[in-house]
Amino acid sequence: MHHIEIEDEERRRDDLVARVREEALAIRRAKAEASMAEMRKREPLVDDYGMPTYEENIRLKDEEFLDLTNDMVNHPSHYTQGGIECIEVLEQLAADGHDFRILNAIKYLWRYQHKGGDESLRKAIWYIERTMDYP
């Protein structure tokens, strides 16, 4: 073999090795993504900090896109239950003279299943204990 033929053969071999590596990497990426997709189906709606997890974020974004009436400033969905908004209840209780700390506790209890989870429950307890400690 001539020197040029050897270089051509080495170049073809290197190209083949590079293509095989690229294909193997693509296969690994596809398997990893498929594996993550299955895991995401089983993950909870919120993480340990009460923040929406990947799948819930995707669902919420899709929901917000489809439901433009979900006004997160004036009428957030996590503060509405059974057609009643938390602010309506809190305003009535405030008008009846309830302590603002109790009202904050009610707010966190109201929303804990939809936003905050355990963290919201701990905040409610904090406000209640503070009310008892500093009447």
N, C-alpha and C. Protein backbone atom coordinates (compact mmCIF):
# COMPACT_ATOMS: atom_id res chain seq x y z
N MET A 1 0.84 -1.18 0.00
CA MET A 1 0.00 0.00 0.00
C MET A 1 0.88 1.24 0.00
N HIS A 2 0.38 2.23 -0.67
CA HIS A 2 1.10 3.50 -0.69
C HIS A 2 0.72 4.31 0.53
N HIS A 3 1.53 5.29 0.78
CA HIS A 3 1.31 6.17 1.93
C HIS A 3 -0.05 6.86 1.86
N ILE A 4 -0.46 7.31 0.68
CA ILE A 4 -1.75 7.99 0.51
C ILE A 4 -2.90 7.03 0.78
N GLU A 5 -2.77 5.80 0.32
CA GLU A 5 -3.82 4.81 0.55
C GLU A 5 -3.96 4.51 2.04
N ILE A 6 -2.85 4.47 2.75
CA ILE A 6 -2.87 4.22 4.20
C ILE A 6 -3.57 5.38 4.92
N GLU A 7 -3.25 6.60 4.52
CA GLU A 7 -3.89 7.78 5.13
C GLU A 7 -5.40 7.79 4.85
N ASP A 8 -5.78 7.43 3.62
CA ASP A 8 -7.20 7.36 3.28
C ASP A 8 -7.91 6.30 4.12
N GLU A 9 -7.28 5.16 4.28
CA GLU A 9 -7.85 4.08 5.08
C GLU A 9 -8.00 4.52 6.54
N GLU A 10 -7.00 5.20 7.09
CA GLU A 10 -7.07 5.68 8.47
C GLU A 10 -8.16 6.74 8.63
N ARG A 11 -8.31 7.61 7.64
CA ARG A 11 -9.34 8.64 7.67
C ARG A 11 -10.73 8.00 7.63
N ARG A 12 -10.91 7.00 6.77
CA ARG A 12 -12.21 6.30 6.70
C ARG A 12 -12.51 5.60 8.02
N ARG A 13 -11.49 4.98 8.60
CA ARG A 13 -11.67 4.30 9.89
C ARG A 13 -12.03 5.32 10.98
N ASP A 14 -11.33 6.46 11.01
CA ASP A 14 -11.62 7.50 12.00
C ASP A 14 -13.04 8.05 11.82
N ASP A 15 -13.44 8.25 10.56
CA ASP A 15 -14.80 8.73 10.28
C ASP A 15 -15.84 7.73 10.76
N LEU A 16 -15.57 6.44 10.49
CA LEU A 16 -16.50 5.40 10.92
C LEU A 16 -16.59 5.36 12.45
N VAL A 17 -15.46 5.45 13.12
CA VAL A 17 -15.45 5.45 14.60
C VAL A 17 -16.23 6.66 15.12
N ALA A 18 -16.05 7.82 14.51
CA ALA A 18 -16.77 9.03 14.94
C ALA A 18 -18.27 8.88 14.74
N ARG A 19 -18.69 8.30 13.59
CA ARG A 19 -20.12 8.09 13.34
C ARG A 19 -20.72 7.10 14.34
N VAL A 20 -19.98 6.04 14.62
CA VAL A 20 -20.48 5.04 15.57
C VAL A 20 -20.61 5.68 16.95
N ARG A 21 -19.63 6.49 17.35
CA ARG A 21 -19.71 7.17 18.65
C ARG A 21 -20.91 8.11 18.70
N GLU A 22 -21.13 8.87 17.63
CA GLU A 22 -22.28 9.78 17.58
C GLU A 22 -23.59 9.02 17.68
N GLU A 23 -23.71 7.92 16.98
CA GLU A 23 -24.93 7.12 17.03
C GLU A 23 -25.12 6.52 18.42
N ALA A 24 -24.03 6.04 19.01
CA ALA A 24 -24.12 5.46 20.36
C ALA A 24 -24.56 6.54 21.36
N LEU A 25 -24.01 7.75 21.22
CA LEU A 25 -24.39 8.84 22.10
C LEU A 25 -25.86 9.22 21.91
N ALA A 26 -26.32 9.24 20.67
CA ALA A 26 -27.73 9.54 20.39
C ALA A 26 -28.63 8.47 21.01
N ILE A 27 -28.24 7.22 20.92
CA ILE A 27 -29.02 6.12 21.51
C ILE A 27 -29.07 6.28 23.02
N ARG A 28 -27.92 6.59 23.64
CA ARG A 28 -27.87 6.79 25.09
C ARG A 28 -28.76 7.95 25.52
N ARG A 29 -28.71 9.05 24.77
CA ARG A 29 -29.55 10.21 25.09
C ARG A 29 -31.03 9.84 24.99
N ALA A 30 -31.41 9.12 23.94
CA ALA A 30 -32.80 8.73 23.76
C ALA A 30 -33.26 7.82 24.90
N LYS A 31 -32.40 6.87 25.29
CA LYS A 31 -32.76 5.97 26.40
C LYS A 31 -32.88 6.75 27.71
N ALA A 32 -31.96 7.69 27.93
CA ALA A 32 -32.01 8.50 29.16
C ALA A 32 -33.28 9.34 29.19
N GLU A 33 -33.63 9.94 28.08
CA GLU A 33 -34.86 10.76 28.01
C GLU A 33 -36.10 9.90 28.24
N ALA A 34 -36.12 8.71 27.65
CA ALA A 34 -37.26 7.81 27.85
C ALA A 34 -37.35 7.39 29.32
N SER A 35 -36.21 7.12 29.93
CA SER A 35 -36.17 6.75 31.33
C SER A 35 -36.65 7.90 32.21
N MET A 36 -36.21 9.12 31.91
CA MET A 36 -36.63 10.29 32.67
C MET A 36 -38.13 10.54 32.49
N ALA A 37 -38.63 10.31 31.29
CA ALA A 37 -40.05 10.52 31.04
C ALA A 37 -40.88 9.59 31.93
N GLU A 38 -40.45 8.35 32.08
CA GLU A 38 -41.16 7.41 32.95
C GLU A 38 -41.07 7.85 34.41
N MET A 39 -39.89 8.31 34.83
CA MET A 39 -39.72 8.78 36.21
C MET A 39 -40.58 10.01 36.46
N ARG A 40 -40.64 10.91 35.49
CA ARG A 40 -41.43 12.14 35.67
C ARG A 40 -42.91 11.84 35.82
N LYS A 41 -43.37 10.76 35.22
CA LYS A 41 -44.78 10.38 35.35
C LYS A 41 -45.11 10.02 36.79
N ARG A 42 -44.11 9.52 37.53
CA ARG A 42 -44.33 9.07 38.90
C ARG A 42 -43.95 10.11 39.95
N GLU A 43 -43.36 11.23 39.54
CA GLU A 43 -42.91 12.20 40.53
C GLU A 43 -44.08 12.96 41.13
N PRO A 44 -43.90 13.47 42.36
CA PRO A 44 -44.99 14.22 42.99
C PRO A 44 -45.21 15.55 42.28
N LEU A 45 -46.32 16.19 42.60
CA LEU A 45 -46.63 17.47 41.96
C LEU A 45 -45.72 18.59 42.46
N VAL A 46 -45.30 18.49 43.74
CA VAL A 46 -44.42 19.52 44.28
C VAL A 46 -43.20 18.86 44.92
N ASP A 47 -42.10 19.63 44.98
CA ASP A 47 -40.89 19.10 45.61
C ASP A 47 -40.91 19.41 47.10
N ASP A 48 -39.78 19.17 47.78
CA ASP A 48 -39.70 19.38 49.22
C ASP A 48 -39.88 20.84 49.62
N TYR A 49 -39.72 21.75 48.69
CA TYR A 49 -39.87 23.17 48.97
C TYR A 49 -41.20 23.72 48.50
N GLY A 50 -42.09 22.83 48.09
CA GLY A 50 -43.41 23.26 47.66
C GLY A 50 -43.45 23.81 46.25
N MET A 51 -42.37 23.66 45.51
CA MET A 51 -42.33 24.17 44.15
C MET A 51 -42.79 23.08 43.19
N PRO A 52 -43.51 23.45 42.15
CA PRO A 52 -43.96 22.44 41.19
C PRO A 52 -42.78 21.70 40.56
N THR A 53 -42.92 20.41 40.39
CA THR A 53 -41.89 19.60 39.76
C THR A 53 -42.03 19.69 38.25
N TYR A 54 -41.14 19.05 37.53
CA TYR A 54 -41.07 19.17 36.08
C TYR A 54 -42.42 18.92 35.40
N GLU A 55 -43.02 17.76 35.66
CA GLU A 55 -44.28 17.41 35.00
C GLU A 55 -45.38 18.39 35.37
N GLU A 56 -45.42 18.80 36.64
CA GLU A 56 -46.46 19.74 37.07
C GLU A 56 -46.25 21.10 36.40
N ASN A 57 -45.00 21.53 36.27
CA ASN A 57 -44.72 22.78 35.56
C ASN A 57 -45.21 22.71 34.13
N ILE A 58 -44.95 21.59 33.45
CA ILE A 58 -45.41 21.42 32.07
C ILE A 58 -46.93 21.47 32.03
N ARG A 59 -47.58 20.76 32.96
CA ARG A 59 -49.04 20.74 33.00
C ARG A 59 -49.59 22.14 33.26
N LEU A 60 -48.98 22.85 34.23
CA LEU A 60 -49.46 24.18 34.56
C LEU A 60 -49.28 25.14 33.39
N LYS A 61 -48.16 25.03 32.69
CA LYS A 61 -47.93 25.90 31.54
C LYS A 61 -48.96 25.61 30.45
N ASP A 62 -49.23 24.33 30.21
CA ASP A 62 -50.25 23.95 29.23
C ASP A 62 -51.61 24.46 29.66
N GLU A 63 -51.92 24.32 30.95
CA GLU A 63 -53.21 24.75 31.48
C GLU A 63 -53.36 26.26 31.35
N GLU A 64 -52.29 27.01 31.69
CA GLU A 64 -52.34 28.47 31.58
C GLU A 64 -52.52 28.89 30.13
N PHE A 65 -51.88 28.16 29.23
CA PHE A 65 -52.02 28.47 27.81
C PHE A 65 -53.45 28.24 27.36
N LEU A 66 -54.03 27.13 27.83
CA LEU A 66 -55.39 26.79 27.42
C LEU A 66 -56.44 27.61 28.17
N ASP A 67 -56.15 27.95 29.43
CA ASP A 67 -57.10 28.66 30.26
C ASP A 67 -56.55 30.04 30.59
N LEU A 68 -56.79 30.99 29.72
CA LEU A 68 -56.27 32.33 29.92
C LEU A 68 -57.03 33.08 31.00
N THR A 69 -58.11 32.49 31.52
CA THR A 69 -58.87 33.13 32.59
C THR A 69 -58.22 32.92 33.95
N ASN A 70 -57.22 32.06 34.05
CA ASN A 70 -56.54 31.81 35.32
C ASN A 70 -55.61 32.99 35.61
N ASP A 71 -56.13 34.00 36.26
CA ASP A 71 -55.39 35.21 36.56
C ASP A 71 -54.65 35.01 37.87
N MET A 72 -53.32 34.80 37.80
CA MET A 72 -52.52 34.48 38.98
C MET A 72 -52.34 35.67 39.92
N VAL A 73 -52.73 36.87 39.50
CA VAL A 73 -52.64 38.04 40.37
C VAL A 73 -53.98 38.30 41.06
N ASN A 74 -55.04 38.41 40.29
CA ASN A 74 -56.34 38.77 40.85
C ASN A 74 -57.18 37.59 41.33
N HIS A 75 -57.02 36.44 40.69
CA HIS A 75 -57.83 35.27 41.05
C HIS A 75 -57.01 33.99 40.90
N PRO A 76 -55.96 33.82 41.72
CA PRO A 76 -55.14 32.60 41.58
C PRO A 76 -55.96 31.36 41.92
N SER A 77 -55.80 30.33 41.10
CA SER A 77 -56.63 29.13 41.27
C SER A 77 -56.37 28.42 42.59
N HIS A 78 -55.14 28.52 43.14
CA HIS A 78 -54.87 27.83 44.40
C HIS A 78 -55.52 28.52 45.61
N TYR A 79 -56.14 29.69 45.40
CA TYR A 79 -56.88 30.35 46.47
C TYR A 79 -58.39 30.26 46.27
N THR A 80 -58.82 29.44 45.33
CA THR A 80 -60.26 29.26 45.09
C THR A 80 -60.63 27.80 45.33
N GLN A 81 -61.62 27.61 46.19
CA GLN A 81 -62.09 26.25 46.48
C GLN A 81 -63.61 26.26 46.50
N GLY A 82 -64.21 25.38 45.75
CA GLY A 82 -65.66 25.30 45.71
C GLY A 82 -66.32 26.60 45.27
N GLY A 83 -65.64 27.35 44.43
CA GLY A 83 -66.19 28.62 43.94
C GLY A 83 -66.01 29.77 44.91
N ILE A 84 -65.36 29.54 46.04
CA ILE A 84 -65.14 30.59 47.04
C ILE A 84 -63.66 30.95 47.05
N GLU A 85 -63.37 32.24 47.00
CA GLU A 85 -61.98 32.67 47.07
C GLU A 85 -61.60 32.93 48.52
N CYS A 86 -60.41 32.56 48.86
CA CYS A 86 -59.90 32.72 50.23
C CYS A 86 -60.02 34.17 50.69
N ILE A 87 -59.73 35.12 49.82
CA ILE A 87 -59.76 36.53 50.21
C ILE A 87 -61.14 36.94 50.71
N GLU A 88 -62.19 36.34 50.13
CA GLU A 88 -63.56 36.66 50.57
C GLU A 88 -63.78 36.24 52.02
N VAL A 89 -63.29 35.06 52.36
CA VAL A 89 -63.42 34.56 53.72
C VAL A 89 -62.59 35.41 54.67
N LEU A 90 -61.34 35.71 54.26
CA LEU A 90 -60.45 36.49 55.12
C LEU A 90 -60.98 37.91 55.35
N GLU A 91 -61.54 38.52 54.34
CA GLU A 91 -62.10 39.86 54.50
C GLU A 91 -63.26 39.86 55.49
N GLN A 92 -64.10 38.83 55.42
CA GLN A 92 -65.22 38.73 56.36
C GLN A 92 -64.72 38.55 57.79
N LEU A 93 -63.72 37.65 57.95
CA LEU A 93 -63.17 37.42 59.29
C LEU A 93 -62.46 38.66 59.83
N ALA A 94 -61.77 39.38 58.96
CA ALA A 94 -61.10 40.63 59.37
C ALA A 94 -62.15 41.65 59.82
N ALA A 95 -63.26 41.73 59.09
CA ALA A 95 -64.34 42.65 59.47
C ALA A 95 -64.93 42.27 60.82
N ASP A 96 -64.87 40.98 61.17
CA ASP A 96 -65.36 40.51 62.47
C ASP A 96 -64.32 40.68 63.57
N GLY A 97 -63.15 41.23 63.24
CA GLY A 97 -62.14 41.54 64.24
C GLY A 97 -61.11 40.46 64.53
N HIS A 98 -60.97 39.46 63.68
CA HIS A 98 -59.97 38.41 63.92
C HIS A 98 -58.55 38.94 63.73
N ASP A 99 -57.64 38.39 64.52
CA ASP A 99 -56.22 38.76 64.47
C ASP A 99 -55.64 38.44 63.09
N PHE A 100 -54.82 39.34 62.55
CA PHE A 100 -54.25 39.15 61.21
C PHE A 100 -53.38 37.90 61.15
N ARG A 101 -52.80 37.50 62.29
CA ARG A 101 -51.95 36.30 62.28
C ARG A 101 -52.80 35.05 62.07
N ILE A 102 -53.99 35.04 62.64
CA ILE A 102 -54.91 33.92 62.43
C ILE A 102 -55.36 33.91 60.97
N LEU A 103 -55.59 35.09 60.41
CA LEU A 103 -55.98 35.18 59.00
C LEU A 103 -54.88 34.64 58.10
N ASN A 104 -53.62 34.94 58.43
CA ASN A 104 -52.50 34.38 57.65
C ASN A 104 -52.46 32.86 57.78
N ALA A 105 -52.70 32.35 58.98
CA ALA A 105 -52.71 30.90 59.18
C ALA A 105 -53.81 30.27 58.32
N ILE A 106 -54.98 30.89 58.30
CA ILE A 106 -56.08 30.37 57.48
C ILE A 106 -55.69 30.36 56.01
N LYS A 107 -55.04 31.43 55.56
CA LYS A 107 -54.60 31.50 54.16
C LYS A 107 -53.69 30.32 53.81
N TYR A 108 -52.71 30.02 54.69
CA TYR A 108 -51.80 28.91 54.40
C TYR A 108 -52.51 27.57 54.47
N LEU A 109 -53.46 27.44 55.40
CA LEU A 109 -54.23 26.19 55.47
C LEU A 109 -55.12 26.04 54.24
N TRP A 110 -55.66 27.13 53.77
CA TRP A 110 -56.56 27.13 52.62
C TRP A 110 -55.88 26.59 51.38
N ARG A 111 -54.62 26.97 51.18
CA ARG A 111 -53.94 26.67 49.91
C ARG A 111 -52.98 25.49 49.98
N TYR A 112 -52.73 24.91 51.16
CA TYR A 112 -51.62 23.97 51.32
C TYR A 112 -51.66 22.79 50.35
N GLN A 113 -52.83 22.33 49.95
CA GLN A 113 -52.90 21.19 49.03
C GLN A 113 -52.54 21.58 47.60
N HIS A 114 -52.66 22.85 47.28
CA HIS A 114 -52.43 23.30 45.91
C HIS A 114 -51.15 24.10 45.76
N LYS A 115 -50.62 24.60 46.87
CA LYS A 115 -49.39 25.38 46.81
C LYS A 115 -48.71 25.32 48.17
N GLY A 116 -47.50 24.83 48.19
CA GLY A 116 -46.72 24.86 49.41
C GLY A 116 -46.67 23.57 50.19
N GLY A 117 -47.71 22.78 50.17
CA GLY A 117 -47.70 21.50 50.88
C GLY A 117 -47.35 21.65 52.35
N ASP A 118 -46.39 20.85 52.81
CA ASP A 118 -45.98 20.85 54.21
C ASP A 118 -45.45 22.20 54.66
N GLU A 119 -44.78 22.91 53.77
CA GLU A 119 -44.25 24.23 54.13
C GLU A 119 -45.40 25.17 54.50
N SER A 120 -46.48 25.14 53.75
CA SER A 120 -47.63 25.98 54.08
C SER A 120 -48.22 25.59 55.43
N LEU A 121 -48.27 24.29 55.72
CA LEU A 121 -48.77 23.85 57.03
C LEU A 121 -47.87 24.35 58.15
N ARG A 122 -46.56 24.29 57.94
CA ARG A 122 -45.63 24.79 58.96
C ARG A 122 -45.78 26.29 59.17
N LYS A 123 -46.02 27.03 58.09
CA LYS A 123 -46.24 28.47 58.21
C LYS A 123 -47.51 28.75 59.00
N ALA A 124 -48.56 27.99 58.75
CA ALA A 124 -49.81 28.17 59.49
C ALA A 124 -49.58 27.93 60.98
N ILE A 125 -48.86 26.88 61.30
CA ILE A 125 -48.56 26.58 62.70
C ILE A 125 -47.75 27.72 63.32
N TRP A 126 -46.78 28.25 62.58
CA TRP A 126 -45.94 29.34 63.07
C TRP A 126 -46.81 30.55 63.45
N TYR A 127 -47.77 30.90 62.57
CA TYR A 127 -48.65 32.04 62.86
C TYR A 127 -49.54 31.77 64.07
N ILE A 128 -50.04 30.56 64.19
CA ILE A 128 -50.90 30.21 65.32
C ILE A 128 -50.10 30.26 66.62
N GLU A 129 -48.89 29.67 66.61
CA GLU A 129 -48.06 29.69 67.81
C GLU A 129 -47.67 31.13 68.19
N ARG A 130 -47.39 31.94 67.21
CA ARG A 130 -47.03 33.34 67.46
C ARG A 130 -48.23 34.08 68.09
N THR A 131 -49.42 33.77 67.64
CA THR A 131 -50.62 34.39 68.20
C THR A 131 -50.77 33.99 69.67
N MET A 132 -50.49 32.71 69.97
CA MET A 132 -50.61 32.24 71.36
C MET A 132 -49.50 32.82 72.25
N ASP A 133 -48.28 32.93 71.70
CA ASP A 133 -47.14 33.43 72.47
C ASP A 133 -47.19 34.95 72.70
N TYR A 134 -47.77 35.68 71.78
CA TYR A 134 -47.84 37.14 71.85
C TYR A 134 -49.27 37.61 71.59
N PRO A 135 -50.17 37.38 72.58
CA PRO A 135 -51.59 37.71 72.36
C PRO A 135 -51.83 39.22 72.16
